Amino acid sequence: MGVPISQMWTVASYVLGQRLRGRRRYPLVLMLEPLYRCNLACAGCGKIQYPAHILRKDMPLEDALTAVDECGAPMVSIPGGEPLLYPHIRELVQELVKRRKYIYLCTNALLLKEKLDAGWFKPSKYLTFSVHMDGPKDDHDFAVCRDGTYKKAMEGIQTAIDMGYRVTTNTTLFDGADPNAIRVFFDEMMDVGVEGMMISPGYAYEAAADQSNFLGRKNTNVLFDMLLSNRKKRWKFNQSPLFLEFLMGKRTYDCTPWGNPTYCLFGWQKPCYLLGEGYVDSFEELMTATKWAEYGYESGNPSCANCMVHSGYEATAVDHTFASVRGMWGTVKAMVFSKYPSVSAAAALEAEKSKPHGPEVHLVQLGMDVDALKKAKRDRAARTPTSIS
């Protein structure tokens, strides 16, 4: 497991405390979005689609800290946008460390080396840089619509590790991902020394510019079974092992949208950051006024039919771990017997070697060649604004 014992103990104590109080719904990770602007324009991102006057906004530091205190979750994820562009990010991290919150600062790492060299942060067991890495070099650069980002991100990762910071990676996988290349990518991340990896299928939420390459449930199970079966012992994942089994199709869970509540520039988002169903002013109102039964796979809501992302389902898996002896035993067994040997998965991986993947899929469909695709990608990046100042 790519999670320190102290963090696991904090989360376990918190979850058990909530259950002993009889609380069915409680937050596990607060997703705090202090801004939407970014220095990239990824096709699968819906945040940068906001109009310019919204992209220029920054959340007041006081509002961010009030949300943290109001929610009470033991972990705080800081996505965006790009949080290293947030003018109060240093003060926010300092205050969260004082509150002993485990922080995952989600960054594309393009500015990470620069900020670390400038002394913006101090190493702490409470601070982790969660670096957005969508696979091997070519796949990553294509996904974020800019050449050279993989190299720049790796420089930031290596700098952070060398300076003693906790570093994890966050990889979102889309339809057409090459499972063999992703498994090589896992080796690369372990070689550089990251603490653990987080992986999740992309969900087709409505604000994203590219709607054509998101994974459905069946394809998610097929892909993750190939990725995570016959697993190498050296691979460390910063995730619940039961959630990984869910992605592989070995477990059935429903969504726990209240487990990862989102506070953003507009307030508390209902019911989760992927669905724009409105906003409320307080965390209490979010928890009491949201009609939770109308969301999640089992609800029959068509907007939730293909979603399997960690923000909705990992809290379910964590709760399952502490809900019963069976859940705890399943977690222990998954941690000890983590290889998941599978002849069929190995055969499927071998068959994938002869198939087109990622950008190559579009080449086949369009009758283009690799050089043409690379030129189209460069042209698109040149036309797309990458930041708003």
Protein backbone atom coordinates (compact mmCIF):
# COMPACT_ATOMS: atom_id res chain seq x y z
CA MET A 1 0.00 0.00 0.00
CA GLY A 2 1.28 3.46 -0.92
CA VAL A 3 -0.24 5.10 2.19
CA PRO A 4 1.72 5.80 5.42
CA ILE A 5 0.59 4.02 8.59
CA SER A 6 -0.13 7.33 10.35
CA GLN A 7 -2.54 8.37 7.62
CA MET A 8 -4.25 4.99 7.55
CA TRP A 9 -4.67 5.14 11.33
CA THR A 10 -6.15 8.65 11.17
CA VAL A 11 -8.65 7.63 8.50
CA ALA A 12 -9.53 4.37 10.27
CA SER A 13 -10.11 6.17 13.59
CA TYR A 14 -12.25 8.77 11.88
CA VAL A 15 -14.41 6.23 10.02
CA LEU A 16 -14.89 4.07 13.11
CA GLY A 17 -15.82 7.15 15.10
CA GLN A 18 -18.46 8.12 12.57
CA ARG A 19 -19.93 4.63 12.58
CA LEU A 20 -19.99 4.45 16.38
CA ARG A 21 -21.98 7.69 16.35
CA GLY A 22 -24.46 6.05 14.01
CA ARG A 23 -23.74 8.41 11.11
CA ARG A 24 -24.64 6.82 7.81
CA ARG A 25 -23.40 9.71 5.69
CA TYR A 26 -20.13 11.45 6.43
CA PRO A 27 -17.34 13.06 4.36
CA LEU A 28 -14.03 11.32 3.89
CA VAL A 29 -12.21 13.73 1.57
CA LEU A 30 -13.09 17.38 1.01
CA MET A 31 -12.48 18.42 -2.57
CA LEU A 32 -11.57 22.08 -2.29
CA GLU A 33 -11.48 23.93 -5.63
CA PRO A 34 -10.11 27.44 -4.98
CA LEU A 35 -9.92 28.40 -8.67
CA TYR A 36 -10.73 27.10 -12.16
CA ARG A 37 -8.02 28.63 -14.33
CA CYS A 38 -5.14 26.48 -15.50
CA ASN A 39 -1.94 26.62 -17.51
CA LEU A 40 -3.17 23.69 -19.63
CA ALA A 41 -6.30 23.14 -21.70
CA CYS A 42 -6.98 19.40 -21.51
CA ALA A 43 -9.80 18.15 -23.73
CA GLY A 44 -11.21 15.93 -20.98
CA CYS A 45 -11.49 18.76 -18.44
CA GLY A 46 -14.68 20.72 -17.84
CA LYS A 47 -13.27 23.39 -15.52
CA ILE A 48 -11.51 25.49 -18.13
CA GLN A 49 -14.74 25.80 -20.12
CA TYR A 50 -16.02 28.50 -17.77
CA PRO A 51 -16.13 32.09 -19.14
CA ALA A 52 -13.15 34.37 -18.60
CA HIS A 53 -14.62 36.32 -15.70
CA ILE A 54 -15.05 33.07 -13.73
CA LEU A 55 -11.57 31.83 -14.62
CA ARG A 56 -10.10 35.03 -13.19
CA LYS A 57 -11.70 34.48 -9.79
CA ASP A 58 -9.89 33.20 -6.70
CA MET A 59 -11.59 31.85 -3.59
CA PRO A 60 -10.93 34.01 -0.52
CA LEU A 61 -8.63 32.17 1.87
CA GLU A 62 -11.09 32.67 4.72
CA ASP A 63 -13.84 30.93 2.72
CA ALA A 64 -11.57 27.98 1.98
CA LEU A 65 -10.63 27.50 5.64
CA THR A 66 -14.24 27.89 6.77
CA ALA A 67 -15.25 25.11 4.38
CA VAL A 68 -12.48 22.85 5.74
CA ASP A 69 -13.60 23.41 9.32
CA GLU A 70 -17.29 23.07 8.46
CA CYS A 71 -16.80 19.78 6.64
CA GLY A 72 -14.46 18.14 9.14
CA ALA A 73 -13.08 15.50 6.76
CA PRO A 74 -9.61 14.19 7.69
CA MET A 75 -8.30 14.61 4.14
CA VAL A 76 -8.43 17.62 1.81
CA SER A 77 -7.83 17.34 -1.92
CA ILE A 78 -6.98 20.64 -3.63
CA PRO A 79 -7.65 20.40 -7.37
CA GLY A 80 -8.61 23.24 -9.69
CA GLY A 81 -7.74 24.49 -12.25
CA GLU A 82 -4.11 24.44 -11.31
CA PRO A 83 -3.75 25.10 -7.56
CA LEU A 84 -0.18 26.37 -7.90
CA LEU A 85 -1.73 29.39 -9.65
CA TYR A 86 -3.86 30.13 -6.56
CA PRO A 87 -2.34 33.22 -4.90
CA HIS A 88 -3.04 31.93 -1.36
CA ILE A 89 -1.84 28.37 -1.86
CA ARG A 90 1.10 28.69 0.54
CA GLU A 91 -1.05 30.08 3.33
CA LEU A 92 -3.77 27.51 2.66
CA VAL A 93 -1.33 24.60 2.93
CA GLN A 94 0.22 26.04 6.10
CA GLU A 95 -3.19 26.36 7.76
CA LEU A 96 -4.23 22.85 6.76
CA VAL A 97 -1.00 21.40 8.15
CA LYS A 98 -1.72 23.21 11.44
CA ARG A 99 -5.14 21.51 11.44
CA ARG A 100 -3.43 18.12 10.82
CA LYS A 101 -5.35 17.55 7.63
CA TYR A 102 -3.83 15.18 5.09
CA ILE A 103 -3.50 17.29 1.94
CA TYR A 104 -3.38 16.12 -1.65
CA LEU A 105 -2.35 19.11 -3.73
CA CYS A 106 -3.38 18.05 -7.25
CA THR A 107 -1.06 19.61 -9.81
CA ASN A 108 0.10 19.14 -13.39
CA ALA A 109 3.59 19.92 -11.96
CA LEU A 110 4.52 22.41 -14.68
CA LEU A 111 5.24 24.97 -11.95
CA LEU A 112 6.23 22.56 -9.21
CA LYS A 113 10.03 22.74 -9.51
CA GLU A 114 9.91 26.53 -9.69
CA LYS A 115 7.75 26.85 -6.56
CA LEU A 116 9.79 24.32 -4.58
CA ASP A 117 13.07 26.00 -5.51
CA ALA A 118 11.53 29.29 -4.34
CA GLY A 119 10.75 27.77 -0.93
CA TRP A 120 6.96 27.96 -1.16
CA PHE A 121 6.41 24.80 0.91
CA LYS A 122 8.01 22.67 3.60
CA PRO A 123 8.06 18.86 3.60
CA SER A 124 5.43 17.41 5.92
CA LYS A 125 3.73 14.07 6.40
CA TYR A 126 0.47 15.99 5.90
CA LEU A 127 1.38 17.35 2.44
CA THR A 128 1.39 15.25 -0.72
CA PHE A 129 1.81 16.52 -4.26
CA SER A 130 -0.58 14.47 -6.39
CA VAL A 131 0.74 14.89 -9.92
CA HIS A 132 -1.57 14.49 -12.90
CA MET A 133 0.11 11.94 -15.17
CA ASP A 134 -2.09 10.38 -17.87
CA GLY A 135 0.22 7.56 -18.83
CA PRO A 136 3.46 7.34 -20.82
CA LYS A 137 5.04 10.40 -22.44
CA ASP A 138 3.19 10.47 -25.77
CA ASP A 139 -0.17 9.55 -24.23
CA HIS A 140 0.19 12.16 -21.51
CA ASP A 141 1.22 14.94 -23.86
CA PHE A 142 -1.65 14.09 -26.19
CA ALA A 143 -4.18 14.00 -23.34
CA VAL A 144 -3.18 17.45 -22.07
CA CYS A 145 -2.87 18.87 -25.60
CA ARG A 146 0.71 20.10 -25.25
CA ASP A 147 4.05 18.53 -26.11
CA GLY A 148 6.74 18.55 -23.45
CA THR A 149 4.44 18.39 -20.43
CA TYR A 150 5.49 14.87 -19.44
CA LYS A 151 9.16 15.87 -19.28
CA LYS A 152 8.36 19.01 -17.30
CA ALA A 153 6.16 17.10 -14.87
CA MET A 154 8.84 14.46 -14.34
CA GLU A 155 11.32 17.22 -13.47
CA GLY A 156 8.90 18.52 -10.86
CA ILE A 157 8.30 15.03 -9.46
CA GLN A 158 12.01 14.29 -9.17
CA THR A 159 12.71 17.65 -7.52
CA ALA A 160 9.96 17.11 -4.95
CA ILE A 161 11.12 13.58 -4.13
CA ASP A 162 14.75 14.71 -3.81
CA MET A 163 13.65 17.46 -1.40
CA GLY A 164 11.81 14.99 0.82
CA TYR A 165 8.20 15.64 -0.16
CA ARG A 166 5.51 13.01 -0.46
CA VAL A 167 4.59 12.54 -4.13
CA THR A 168 1.87 10.45 -5.72
CA THR A 169 0.50 10.33 -9.24
CA ASN A 170 -3.09 10.62 -10.46
CA THR A 171 -3.92 8.90 -13.75
CA THR A 172 -7.29 9.13 -15.49
CA LEU A 173 -7.75 6.53 -18.20
CA PHE A 174 -9.94 6.87 -21.27
CA ASP A 175 -11.29 4.59 -23.96
CA GLY A 176 -8.49 3.37 -26.20
CA ALA A 177 -5.84 3.36 -23.46
CA ASP A 178 -3.07 0.85 -24.12
CA PRO A 179 -2.94 -1.47 -21.08
CA ASN A 180 0.55 -2.71 -21.92
CA ALA A 181 1.89 0.85 -22.11
CA ILE A 182 0.15 1.77 -18.85
CA ARG A 183 1.78 -1.17 -17.08
CA VAL A 184 5.17 0.06 -18.31
CA PHE A 185 4.16 3.50 -17.01
CA PHE A 186 3.55 1.96 -13.57
CA ASP A 187 7.16 0.72 -13.63
CA GLU A 188 8.40 4.18 -14.61
CA MET A 189 6.57 5.82 -11.70
CA MET A 190 7.98 3.28 -9.26
CA ASP A 191 11.47 3.81 -10.68
CA VAL A 192 11.31 7.56 -10.08
CA GLY A 193 10.28 6.92 -6.48
CA VAL A 194 6.68 8.09 -6.10
CA GLU A 195 4.94 6.96 -2.91
CA GLY A 196 1.95 5.50 -4.70
CA MET A 197 -0.28 5.79 -7.76
CA MET A 198 -3.96 6.62 -8.09
CA ILE A 199 -5.88 5.45 -11.15
CA SER A 200 -9.46 6.05 -12.20
CA PRO A 201 -11.62 5.74 -15.32
CA GLY A 202 -12.64 9.00 -16.95
CA TYR A 203 -16.30 9.91 -16.55
CA ALA A 204 -18.19 11.70 -19.33
CA TYR A 205 -19.35 14.72 -17.39
CA GLU A 206 -21.18 17.27 -19.44
CA ALA A 207 -18.77 20.21 -19.24
CA ALA A 208 -15.82 18.34 -20.80
CA ALA A 209 -14.94 19.38 -24.33
CA ASP A 210 -14.20 15.84 -25.54
CA GLN A 211 -17.14 13.48 -24.93
CA SER A 212 -16.10 10.69 -27.29
CA ASN A 213 -13.37 8.89 -25.36
CA PHE A 214 -14.81 8.18 -21.91
CA LEU A 215 -15.01 4.62 -20.60
CA GLY A 216 -18.30 2.87 -19.88
CA ARG A 217 -18.69 0.31 -17.10
CA LYS A 218 -18.04 -2.77 -19.21
CA ASN A 219 -14.94 -1.31 -20.86
CA THR A 220 -13.71 -0.11 -17.46
CA ASN A 221 -13.85 -3.63 -16.03
CA VAL A 222 -12.10 -5.09 -19.09
CA LEU A 223 -9.31 -2.49 -19.05
CA PHE A 224 -8.66 -2.56 -15.31
CA ASP A 225 -8.71 -6.36 -15.19
CA MET A 226 -5.86 -6.35 -17.71
CA LEU A 227 -4.03 -3.58 -15.83
CA LEU A 228 -4.31 -4.96 -12.32
CA SER A 229 -4.29 -8.73 -12.79
CA ASN A 230 -0.86 -10.43 -12.69
CA ARG A 231 0.25 -7.39 -10.75
CA LYS A 232 3.87 -6.67 -9.93
CA LYS A 233 4.67 -6.61 -6.22
CA ARG A 234 6.60 -3.36 -6.59
CA TRP A 235 3.55 -1.42 -7.78
CA LYS A 236 2.07 0.68 -4.99
CA PHE A 237 -1.37 2.25 -5.25
CA ASN A 238 -2.51 5.10 -3.06
CA GLN A 239 -6.05 3.72 -3.00
CA SER A 240 -8.39 1.32 -1.27
CA PRO A 241 -7.64 -2.22 -2.51
CA LEU A 242 -11.39 -2.92 -2.50
CA PHE A 243 -11.96 0.01 -4.86
CA LEU A 244 -9.35 -1.44 -7.23
CA GLU A 245 -11.21 -4.76 -7.11
CA PHE A 246 -14.38 -2.84 -7.96
CA LEU A 247 -12.71 -1.41 -11.06
CA MET A 248 -11.60 -4.92 -12.04
CA GLY A 249 -15.21 -6.12 -11.86
CA LYS A 250 -14.64 -8.27 -8.77
CA ARG A 251 -16.94 -6.25 -6.50
CA THR A 252 -20.21 -4.37 -6.82
CA TYR A 253 -20.61 -1.01 -5.10
CA ASP A 254 -22.97 1.90 -5.31
CA CYS A 255 -21.86 5.52 -5.29
CA THR A 256 -21.23 7.45 -2.07
CA PRO A 257 -21.30 11.03 -3.42
CA TRP A 258 -21.28 12.58 0.05
CA GLY A 259 -17.95 10.89 0.76
CA ASN A 260 -16.07 13.42 -1.40
CA PRO A 261 -18.03 16.69 -1.14
CA THR A 262 -16.89 19.61 -3.28
CA TYR A 263 -16.58 23.23 -2.21
CA CYS A 264 -15.84 25.61 -5.07
CA LEU A 265 -16.21 29.22 -6.19
CA PHE A 266 -20.00 28.82 -6.33
CA GLY A 267 -20.42 27.10 -2.95
CA TRP A 268 -21.09 23.46 -2.06
CA GLN A 269 -21.81 21.57 -5.28
CA LYS A 270 -24.73 19.12 -5.48
CA PRO A 271 -24.38 16.17 -5.52
CA CYS A 272 -20.73 15.91 -6.63
CA TYR A 273 -18.18 17.76 -8.74
CA LEU A 274 -19.12 15.80 -11.87
CA LEU A 275 -22.79 16.78 -11.98
CA GLY A 276 -23.94 20.39 -12.11
CA GLU A 277 -27.16 20.09 -10.08
CA GLY A 278 -26.78 23.39 -8.26
CA TYR A 279 -25.02 24.77 -5.19
CA VAL A 280 -25.83 25.46 -1.54
CA ASP A 281 -24.27 27.81 1.00
CA SER A 282 -23.40 25.39 3.79
CA PHE A 283 -22.15 21.86 4.25
CA GLU A 284 -25.08 21.08 6.51
CA GLU A 285 -27.50 22.10 3.79
CA LEU A 286 -25.63 19.96 1.28
CA MET A 287 -25.96 16.91 3.51
CA THR A 288 -29.57 17.43 4.55
CA ALA A 289 -31.19 18.97 1.46
CA THR A 290 -29.63 16.86 -1.29
CA LYS A 291 -31.84 13.99 -2.45
CA TRP A 292 -29.06 11.42 -2.34
CA ALA A 293 -31.33 8.55 -3.39
CA GLU A 294 -31.61 10.14 -6.84
CA TYR A 295 -27.91 9.65 -7.57
CA GLY A 296 -25.57 6.71 -8.05
CA TYR A 297 -25.72 3.65 -10.27
CA GLU A 298 -28.48 1.90 -8.34
CA SER A 299 -30.73 4.98 -8.54
CA GLY A 300 -31.20 4.49 -12.27
CA ASN A 301 -30.16 8.08 -12.92
CA PRO A 302 -28.86 8.05 -16.52
CA SER A 303 -26.21 10.64 -15.63
CA CYS A 304 -24.69 8.13 -13.20
CA ALA A 305 -25.00 5.01 -15.36
CA ASN A 306 -21.36 4.80 -16.50
CA CYS A 307 -19.59 6.54 -13.64
CA MET A 308 -17.04 4.53 -11.66
CA VAL A 309 -14.65 7.29 -10.58
CA HIS A 310 -12.84 7.21 -7.25
CA SER A 311 -14.56 10.35 -5.97
CA GLY A 312 -17.87 8.50 -5.94
CA TYR A 313 -16.90 4.92 -5.18
CA GLU A 314 -13.71 4.85 -3.16
CA ALA A 315 -15.47 6.22 -0.07
CA THR A 316 -17.92 3.31 -0.45
CA ALA A 317 -15.02 0.86 -0.46
CA VAL A 318 -13.41 2.49 2.58
CA ASP A 319 -16.68 2.40 4.49
CA HIS A 320 -17.07 -1.28 3.56
CA THR A 321 -13.66 -2.01 5.06
CA PHE A 322 -14.82 -0.88 8.50
CA ALA A 323 -18.50 -1.84 8.24
CA SER A 324 -18.04 -5.54 8.96
CA VAL A 325 -15.58 -8.30 9.64
CA ARG A 326 -16.09 -9.43 6.06
CA GLY A 327 -15.09 -6.00 4.73
CA MET A 328 -11.98 -5.87 6.91
CA TRP A 329 -11.00 -9.41 5.94
CA GLY A 330 -11.51 -8.57 2.26
CA THR A 331 -9.19 -5.59 2.61
CA VAL A 332 -6.50 -7.56 4.42
CA LYS A 333 -6.72 -10.36 1.87
CA ALA A 334 -6.47 -7.87 -1.00
CA MET A 335 -3.36 -6.33 0.55
CA VAL A 336 -1.64 -9.66 1.17
CA PHE A 337 -2.67 -11.51 -1.98
CA SER A 338 -2.31 -8.61 -4.37
CA LYS A 339 -0.99 -10.29 -7.50
CA TYR A 340 -4.38 -11.49 -8.85
CA PRO A 341 -2.98 -14.15 -11.21
CA SER A 342 -5.13 -14.53 -14.32
CA VAL A 343 -4.41 -16.49 -17.49
CA SER A 344 -7.27 -14.81 -19.32
CA ALA A 345 -6.04 -11.32 -18.43
CA ALA A 346 -2.53 -12.21 -19.63
CA ALA A 347 -3.98 -13.46 -22.92
CA ALA A 348 -6.04 -10.31 -23.30
CA LEU A 349 -2.93 -8.18 -22.75
CA GLU A 350 -1.08 -10.09 -25.44
CA ALA A 351 -3.97 -9.60 -27.87
CA GLU A 352 -3.94 -5.84 -27.18
CA LYS A 353 -0.43 -5.55 -28.59
CA SER A 354 -1.74 -5.85 -32.15
CA LYS A 355 -4.57 -3.31 -31.70
CA PRO A 356 -4.48 0.47 -32.18
CA HIS A 357 -4.72 2.54 -29.00
CA GLY A 358 -5.29 6.13 -27.99
CA PRO A 359 -4.42 8.53 -30.81
CA GLU A 360 -3.90 5.58 -33.16
CA VAL A 361 -7.61 4.71 -32.92
CA HIS A 362 -8.49 8.05 -34.46
CA LEU A 363 -5.85 7.55 -37.13
CA VAL A 364 -7.47 4.31 -38.19
CA GLN A 365 -10.90 5.94 -38.24
CA LEU A 366 -9.71 8.93 -40.24
CA GLY A 367 -7.26 7.15 -42.48
CA MET A 368 -4.44 9.36 -41.16
CA ASP A 369 -0.88 8.47 -40.29
CA VAL A 370 1.13 9.20 -37.14
CA ASP A 371 2.83 12.29 -38.54
CA ALA A 372 -0.53 13.76 -39.50
CA LEU A 373 -1.88 13.19 -36.01
CA LYS A 374 1.11 14.84 -34.37
CA LYS A 375 0.75 17.86 -36.65
CA ALA A 376 -2.97 18.11 -35.83
CA LYS A 377 -2.17 17.92 -32.12
CA ARG A 378 0.44 20.70 -32.39
CA ASP A 379 -1.97 22.87 -34.36
CA ARG A 380 -4.67 22.38 -31.76
CA ALA A 381 -2.33 23.26 -28.90
CA ALA A 382 -1.25 26.42 -30.73
CA ARG A 383 -4.88 27.52 -31.14
CA THR A 384 -5.93 26.78 -27.53
CA PRO A 385 -5.36 29.44 -24.86
CA THR A 386 -3.54 27.86 -21.92
CA SER A 387 -4.14 30.44 -19.19
CA ILE A 388 -6.09 33.53 -18.28
CA SER A 389 -4.33 36.31 -16.44
